């Protein structure tokens, strides 16, 4: 039993009142009757205290009234938990969606990810259905829907989350959320067809980096019985600078963009451009360094004529970003895409 206003239970101490009144009630001593009292002086009755309770039933009834009044004001109620394995009960589905894109390689995010998983597992009840999924530029499902504790344990969930490898790919958050939402809706529809009441929760674990693309979320018509719980994690070192390759409408121009986070403490960087030979991949010639100043919260674009470096392909590396080097290297090439025909000859059926 629980109470909405448990402080009113303190008023039950008022039952001491009826007990005291019964204990200190005074009554006259024995009365003596005489045939004639005209020759006697008036003598009023003498009262004495009684230390014993004579009417127990009346005392108990008075104490019970006081206790019931206090109990009524405290508003008691009984907690009732829905059973997930009983027909007609509520089945709760949990989809854990983990960000495994390149930005998750920053320092300190592994511990934050483990802490987020612990928080999610503490919200699960025995019998809840759970599925683990990850995303970068693609949505991936790991395992099948399983019942918590009866099908998969806490240690198994933590081990599975730790075994999911990080990628060097971009973050398509919107697309992955749409696919995860659809997987949850399909599972809930399947359970609902068996006569159960259903509800769903998407647990989104991500660092929510600025490059995450979320445009596709605008087209979702969200179901009322599906909730989204955000688990935002951050690394040990705030701020980050990154290097990206831009397309160019001018021939023989290499365009590189340097982006600096608003929480970054650095603003002076260098871009190291290297070339590679056509066959072995070994460095061709001396690398070129290009200094660039990028204040926190802004971007700068480097336009490098390929005549200066005389390479057809190679790498570019951002130097001076000590916080998170995961996005400091890009690969570039001046080769254009082509097409060719392939003739396949084989036995028919």
Protein backbone atom coordinates (compact mmCIF):
# COMPACT_ATOMS: atom_id res chain seq x y z
CA UNK A 1 0.00 0.00 0.00
CA UNK A 2 1.16 3.53 -0.81
CA UNK A 3 -0.12 6.97 0.19
CA UNK A 4 -0.54 10.18 -1.80
CA UNK A 5 -0.32 12.34 1.35
CA UNK A 6 1.57 10.25 3.93
CA UNK A 7 2.13 13.23 6.28
CA UNK A 8 -1.49 13.00 7.40
CA UNK A 9 -0.62 9.70 9.07
CA UNK A 10 1.17 11.70 11.73
CA UNK A 11 -2.26 12.81 12.88
CA UNK A 12 -2.89 9.27 14.09
CA UNK A 13 -1.02 10.30 17.24
CA UNK A 14 -4.25 12.04 18.23
CA UNK A 15 -5.59 8.70 19.48
CA UNK A 16 -3.63 9.46 22.63
CA UNK A 17 -6.38 11.97 23.47
CA UNK A 18 -9.24 9.49 24.04
CA UNK A 19 -6.92 7.28 26.08
CA UNK A 20 -5.96 10.17 28.37
CA UNK A 21 -9.57 11.26 28.79
CA UNK A 22 -10.53 7.75 29.84
CA UNK A 23 -7.61 7.59 32.26
CA UNK A 24 -8.21 10.95 34.05
CA UNK A 25 -12.01 10.81 34.20
CA UNK A 26 -13.17 11.47 37.78
CA UNK A 27 -16.15 9.80 39.49
CA UNK A 28 -17.67 10.28 43.02
CA UNK A 29 -16.95 7.88 45.82
CA UNK A 30 -19.64 5.58 47.23
CA UNK A 31 -22.87 7.32 48.24
CA UNK A 32 -24.50 6.54 51.59
CA UNK A 33 -28.24 6.95 52.04
CA UNK A 34 -29.89 7.76 55.44
CA UNK A 35 -33.50 7.86 56.43
CA UNK A 36 -33.33 11.47 57.56
CA UNK A 37 -30.73 14.06 56.64
CA UNK A 38 -32.17 17.16 58.34
CA UNK A 39 -29.91 16.81 61.36
CA UNK A 40 -26.73 16.44 59.25
CA UNK A 41 -24.61 19.12 57.69
CA UNK A 42 -24.25 19.11 53.89
CA UNK A 43 -21.24 17.16 52.74
CA UNK A 44 -20.51 17.42 48.96
CA UNK A 45 -19.20 14.30 47.20
CA UNK A 46 -15.48 13.78 46.99
CA UNK A 47 -14.07 12.92 43.55
CA UNK A 48 -11.09 10.69 43.00
CA UNK A 49 -8.91 9.97 39.93
CA UNK A 50 -9.19 6.57 38.30
CA UNK A 51 -6.11 4.99 36.78
CA UNK A 52 -7.94 2.12 35.19
CA UNK A 53 -9.99 2.09 31.97
CA UNK A 54 -13.47 0.82 32.61
CA UNK A 55 -15.07 1.02 29.14
CA UNK A 56 -12.66 -0.57 26.65
CA UNK A 57 -15.13 -0.82 23.78
CA UNK A 58 -15.92 2.91 23.85
CA UNK A 59 -12.21 3.74 23.98
CA UNK A 60 -11.40 1.50 21.00
CA UNK A 61 -14.23 2.99 18.96
CA UNK A 62 -13.01 6.53 19.61
CA UNK A 63 -9.41 5.62 18.69
CA UNK A 64 -10.63 3.87 15.54
CA UNK A 65 -12.53 6.97 14.41
CA UNK A 66 -9.40 9.13 14.79
CA UNK A 67 -7.24 6.58 12.91
CA UNK A 68 -9.74 6.24 10.05
CA UNK A 69 -9.95 10.01 9.61
CA UNK A 70 -6.15 10.26 9.33
CA UNK A 71 -6.06 7.31 6.94
CA UNK A 72 -8.72 8.88 4.72
CA UNK A 73 -6.80 12.18 4.48
CA UNK A 74 -3.57 10.33 3.56
CA UNK A 75 -5.33 8.84 0.47
CA UNK A 76 -4.01 5.27 0.41
CA UNK A 77 -3.84 3.23 -2.79
CA UNK A 78 -2.49 -0.12 -3.96
CA UNK A 79 0.11 -0.24 -6.74
CA UNK A 80 -0.80 -2.44 -9.67
CA UNK A 81 1.75 -3.60 -12.27
CA UNK A 82 0.66 -4.83 -15.65
CA UNK A 83 1.71 -8.38 -16.43
CA UNK A 84 3.40 -8.78 -19.79
CA UNK A 85 2.81 -12.52 -20.16
CA UNK A 86 -0.93 -12.55 -19.48
CA UNK A 87 -3.35 -12.37 -22.38
CA UNK A 88 -4.82 -8.88 -22.57
CA UNK A 89 -1.94 -7.40 -20.54
CA UNK A 90 0.54 -4.70 -21.55
CA UNK A 91 3.67 -5.69 -23.49
CA UNK A 92 6.40 -3.06 -23.59
CA UNK A 93 8.89 -3.05 -26.48
CA UNK A 94 12.26 -1.29 -26.23
CA UNK A 95 14.44 -0.53 -29.26
CA UNK A 96 17.97 0.53 -28.30
CA UNK A 97 19.48 2.56 -31.17
CA UNK A 98 23.23 3.14 -30.78
CA UNK A 99 25.27 5.63 -32.79
CA UNK A 100 28.42 3.90 -34.11
CA UNK A 101 29.52 6.53 -36.63
CA UNK A 102 33.00 8.05 -36.83
CA UNK A 103 32.29 10.77 -34.28
CA UNK A 104 31.77 8.12 -31.58
CA UNK A 105 35.52 7.44 -31.60
CA UNK A 106 36.20 10.53 -29.52
CA UNK A 107 37.95 10.14 -26.19
CA UNK A 108 35.79 9.15 -23.25
CA UNK A 109 32.67 8.15 -25.20
CA UNK A 110 33.11 4.44 -24.41
CA UNK A 111 32.49 5.03 -20.70
CA UNK A 112 29.55 7.31 -21.42
CA UNK A 113 28.05 4.68 -23.72
CA UNK A 114 28.33 2.01 -21.03
CA UNK A 115 26.68 4.33 -18.50
CA UNK A 116 23.83 5.01 -20.94
CA UNK A 117 23.25 1.28 -21.42
CA UNK A 118 23.13 0.82 -17.64
CA UNK A 119 20.48 3.54 -17.38
CA UNK A 120 18.38 1.84 -20.06
CA UNK A 121 18.63 -1.61 -18.48
CA UNK A 122 17.51 -0.25 -15.11
CA UNK A 123 14.22 0.86 -16.70
CA UNK A 124 13.44 -2.62 -18.03
CA UNK A 125 11.05 -5.00 -16.30
CA UNK A 126 11.16 -8.75 -16.51
CA UNK A 127 9.45 -9.88 -19.71
CA UNK A 128 9.86 -6.61 -21.61
CA UNK A 129 10.75 -7.14 -25.28
CA UNK A 130 14.07 -5.57 -26.34
CA UNK A 131 16.06 -5.25 -29.58
CA UNK A 132 19.55 -3.82 -30.02
CA UNK A 133 20.34 -1.85 -33.20
CA UNK A 134 23.12 0.47 -34.37
CA UNK A 135 23.53 3.07 -37.09
CA UNK A 136 26.02 5.23 -38.93
CA UNK A 137 25.07 5.82 -42.55
CA UNK A 138 23.25 2.47 -42.41
CA UNK A 139 20.77 0.91 -39.99
CA UNK A 140 21.84 -2.48 -38.57
CA UNK A 141 19.94 -4.88 -36.31
CA UNK A 142 21.84 -7.11 -33.89
CA UNK A 143 19.96 -10.26 -32.95
CA UNK A 144 16.20 -10.64 -32.59
CA UNK A 145 13.51 -9.35 -30.26
CA UNK A 146 13.97 -11.07 -26.91
CA UNK A 147 12.33 -10.95 -23.49
CA UNK A 148 14.46 -9.31 -20.83
CA UNK A 149 15.76 -11.69 -18.12
CA UNK A 150 13.83 -14.69 -19.46
CA UNK A 151 15.43 -14.46 -22.92
CA UNK A 152 18.45 -12.19 -22.54
CA UNK A 153 20.21 -11.06 -19.36
CA UNK A 154 21.75 -7.76 -18.37
CA UNK A 155 25.31 -9.04 -18.87
CA UNK A 156 24.44 -10.34 -22.33
CA UNK A 157 23.01 -6.97 -23.34
CA UNK A 158 26.13 -5.14 -22.16
CA UNK A 159 28.39 -7.64 -23.90
CA UNK A 160 26.44 -7.31 -27.15
CA UNK A 161 26.59 -3.51 -27.06
CA UNK A 162 30.35 -3.56 -26.47
CA UNK A 163 30.92 -5.98 -29.35
CA UNK A 164 29.38 -3.63 -31.96
CA UNK A 165 32.31 -2.13 -33.86
CA UNK A 166 32.74 1.53 -34.62
CA UNK A 167 32.84 2.70 -38.23
CA UNK A 168 34.44 5.60 -40.09
CA UNK A 169 31.17 6.46 -41.79
CA UNK A 170 28.95 9.52 -41.51
CA UNK A 171 25.86 9.89 -39.30
CA UNK A 172 22.48 9.52 -41.03
CA UNK A 173 20.44 9.96 -37.88
CA UNK A 174 17.13 10.78 -39.54
CA UNK A 175 17.18 7.82 -41.91
CA UNK A 176 18.16 5.41 -39.14
CA UNK A 177 15.44 6.71 -36.83
CA UNK A 178 12.84 6.13 -39.53
CA UNK A 179 14.02 2.54 -40.06
CA UNK A 180 14.15 1.89 -36.31
CA UNK A 181 10.67 3.35 -35.87
CA UNK A 182 9.32 1.09 -38.62
CA UNK A 183 10.94 -1.99 -37.03
CA UNK A 184 9.31 -1.11 -33.71
CA UNK A 185 5.90 -0.51 -35.29
CA UNK A 186 6.03 -3.89 -37.08
CA UNK A 187 6.91 -5.68 -33.83
CA UNK A 188 4.12 -3.93 -31.93
CA UNK A 189 1.60 -4.80 -34.64
CA UNK A 190 2.62 -8.45 -34.44
CA UNK A 191 2.19 -8.51 -30.65
CA UNK A 192 -1.10 -6.62 -30.80
CA UNK A 193 -2.56 -9.21 -33.17
CA UNK A 194 -2.08 -11.82 -30.42
CA UNK A 195 -4.46 -9.98 -28.08
CA UNK A 196 -1.94 -7.95 -26.06
CA UNK A 197 -1.92 -4.25 -25.37
CA UNK A 198 1.39 -2.75 -26.55
CA UNK A 199 3.60 0.27 -26.03
CA UNK A 200 7.02 1.10 -27.46
CA UNK A 201 10.11 3.10 -26.57
CA UNK A 202 13.10 4.06 -28.72
CA UNK A 203 16.25 4.65 -26.67
CA UNK A 204 18.52 6.82 -28.84
CA UNK A 205 22.20 6.88 -27.80
CA UNK A 206 24.29 9.43 -29.72
CA UNK A 207 26.69 12.34 -29.35
CA UNK A 208 24.43 14.34 -31.73
CA UNK A 209 27.30 15.82 -33.66
CA UNK A 210 26.52 18.72 -35.96
CA UNK A 211 27.00 16.67 -39.10
CA UNK A 212 24.19 14.26 -38.23
CA UNK A 213 21.54 14.42 -40.94
CA UNK A 214 18.02 14.48 -39.49
CA UNK A 215 15.94 15.79 -42.40
CA UNK A 216 13.97 12.55 -42.87
CA UNK A 217 12.47 12.83 -39.38
CA UNK A 218 10.15 15.56 -40.62
CA UNK A 219 8.07 13.08 -42.62
CA UNK A 220 7.20 10.67 -39.78
CA UNK A 221 3.64 10.55 -38.42
CA UNK A 222 4.49 9.47 -34.89
CA UNK A 223 2.30 6.93 -33.09
CA UNK A 224 0.96 8.01 -29.70
CA UNK A 225 2.05 4.86 -27.86
CA UNK A 226 5.71 5.16 -28.96
CA UNK A 227 8.08 7.30 -26.91
CA UNK A 228 11.65 8.41 -27.61
CA UNK A 229 14.17 8.64 -24.77
CA UNK A 230 17.31 10.64 -25.60
CA UNK A 231 20.66 9.58 -24.14
CA UNK A 232 23.13 12.31 -25.14
CA UNK A 233 26.74 11.41 -24.39
CA UNK A 234 29.89 13.50 -24.52
CA UNK A 235 33.61 12.80 -24.44
CA UNK A 236 36.28 13.88 -22.01
CA UNK A 237 37.66 16.66 -24.24
CA UNK A 238 35.19 19.34 -25.35
CA UNK A 239 35.37 20.79 -28.82
CA UNK A 240 36.51 19.28 -32.08
CA UNK A 241 37.81 20.36 -35.46
CA UNK A 242 37.29 18.39 -38.64
CA UNK A 243 38.39 18.26 -42.25
CA UNK A 244 36.10 17.48 -45.17
CA UNK A 245 36.43 17.33 -48.94
CA UNK A 246 34.20 19.63 -51.01
CA UNK A 247 33.21 19.30 -54.62
CA UNK A 248 34.51 21.92 -57.01
CA UNK A 249 32.98 23.46 -60.10
CA UNK A 250 36.43 24.50 -61.22
CA UNK A 251 38.79 22.01 -62.81
CA UNK A 252 42.13 21.26 -61.20
CA UNK A 253 41.12 22.76 -57.83
CA UNK A 254 41.22 20.81 -54.57
CA UNK A 255 38.70 22.28 -52.08
CA UNK A 256 39.03 21.38 -48.39
CA UNK A 257 36.82 22.64 -45.58
CA UNK A 258 38.01 23.01 -41.97
CA UNK A 259 35.21 23.17 -39.36
CA UNK A 260 35.87 24.14 -35.75
CA UNK A 261 33.43 23.41 -32.90
CA UNK A 262 32.17 26.35 -30.86
CA UNK A 263 33.55 24.75 -27.66
CA UNK A 264 37.00 24.23 -29.15
CA UNK A 265 39.98 25.85 -27.46
CA UNK A 266 42.15 25.88 -30.62
CA UNK A 267 41.89 28.18 -33.63
CA UNK A 268 45.20 27.73 -35.51
CA UNK A 269 45.66 24.63 -37.64
CA UNK A 270 47.66 23.24 -40.55
CA UNK A 271 46.46 21.11 -43.46
CA UNK A 272 49.06 18.58 -44.61
CA UNK A 273 48.49 17.49 -48.23
CA UNK A 274 50.27 14.34 -49.42
CA UNK A 275 50.34 12.65 -52.77
CA UNK A 276 50.65 8.96 -53.68
CA UNK A 277 52.16 7.23 -56.67
CA UNK A 278 49.93 5.54 -59.18
CA UNK A 279 51.13 1.99 -58.48
CA UNK A 280 52.64 1.37 -55.07
CA UNK A 281 50.74 3.97 -53.07
CA UNK A 282 54.00 5.33 -51.66
CA UNK A 283 54.33 9.09 -51.10
CA UNK A 284 55.20 11.00 -54.25
CA UNK A 285 57.22 14.10 -53.52
CA UNK A 286 57.32 16.24 -50.43
CA UNK A 287 54.00 16.98 -48.68
CA UNK A 288 52.71 20.55 -48.63
CA UNK A 289 51.55 22.40 -45.50
CA UNK A 290 48.84 25.05 -45.55
CA UNK A 291 48.23 27.10 -42.38
CA UNK A 292 44.64 28.08 -41.63
CA UNK A 293 42.99 30.07 -38.83
CA UNK A 294 39.48 28.94 -37.91
CA UNK A 295 37.86 30.63 -34.88
CA UNK A 296 35.60 28.41 -32.71
CA UNK A 297 32.16 28.00 -34.22
CA UNK A 298 33.19 28.82 -37.80
CA UNK A 299 34.50 27.18 -40.99
CA UNK A 300 37.17 27.98 -43.58
CA UNK A 301 37.60 26.65 -47.13
CA UNK A 302 41.01 26.03 -48.70
CA UNK A 303 41.20 26.11 -52.50
CA UNK A 304 44.44 24.49 -53.59
CA UNK A 305 45.43 24.44 -57.29
CA UNK A 306 46.50 20.97 -58.26
CA UNK A 307 49.36 22.55 -60.24
CA UNK A 308 51.02 23.38 -56.92
CA UNK A 309 51.09 19.79 -55.72
CA UNK A 310 51.26 17.98 -59.09
CA UNK A 311 49.51 14.85 -57.76
CA UNK A 312 46.46 13.09 -59.09
CA UNK A 313 45.39 11.60 -55.75
CA UNK A 314 46.47 11.46 -52.13
CA UNK A 315 45.44 12.41 -48.60
CA UNK A 316 44.90 15.60 -46.63
CA UNK A 317 45.35 15.69 -42.85
CA UNK A 318 44.35 18.35 -40.33
CA UNK A 319 47.07 19.08 -37.77
CA UNK A 320 46.51 20.86 -34.46
CA UNK A 321 43.29 19.13 -33.42
CA UNK A 322 44.21 17.21 -30.28
CA UNK A 323 40.67 16.57 -29.05
CA UNK A 324 39.37 14.03 -31.56
CA UNK A 325 41.43 12.98 -34.59
CA UNK A 326 38.76 10.70 -36.05
CA UNK A 327 37.70 13.21 -38.74
CA UNK A 328 41.07 14.78 -39.52
CA UNK A 329 41.99 12.78 -42.65
CA UNK A 330 40.33 12.78 -46.07
CA UNK A 331 41.24 11.00 -49.30
CA UNK A 332 41.08 12.86 -52.60
CA UNK A 333 41.47 12.03 -56.25
CA UNK A 334 41.19 13.91 -59.54
CA UNK A 335 40.14 10.82 -61.47
CA UNK A 336 36.67 10.90 -62.95
CA UNK A 337 34.21 8.05 -62.67
CA UNK A 338 33.79 5.90 -65.73
CA UNK A 339 31.75 2.95 -66.89
CA UNK A 340 32.58 -0.27 -68.70
CA UNK A 341 30.76 -3.31 -69.98
CA UNK A 342 31.31 -6.79 -68.67
CA UNK A 343 30.36 -9.79 -70.74
CA UNK A 344 29.51 -12.89 -68.69
CA UNK A 345 29.26 -16.28 -70.38
CA UNK A 346 27.89 -19.25 -68.46
CA UNK A 347 25.65 -22.26 -68.59
CA UNK A 348 21.90 -21.62 -68.64
CA UNK A 349 19.35 -23.50 -66.57
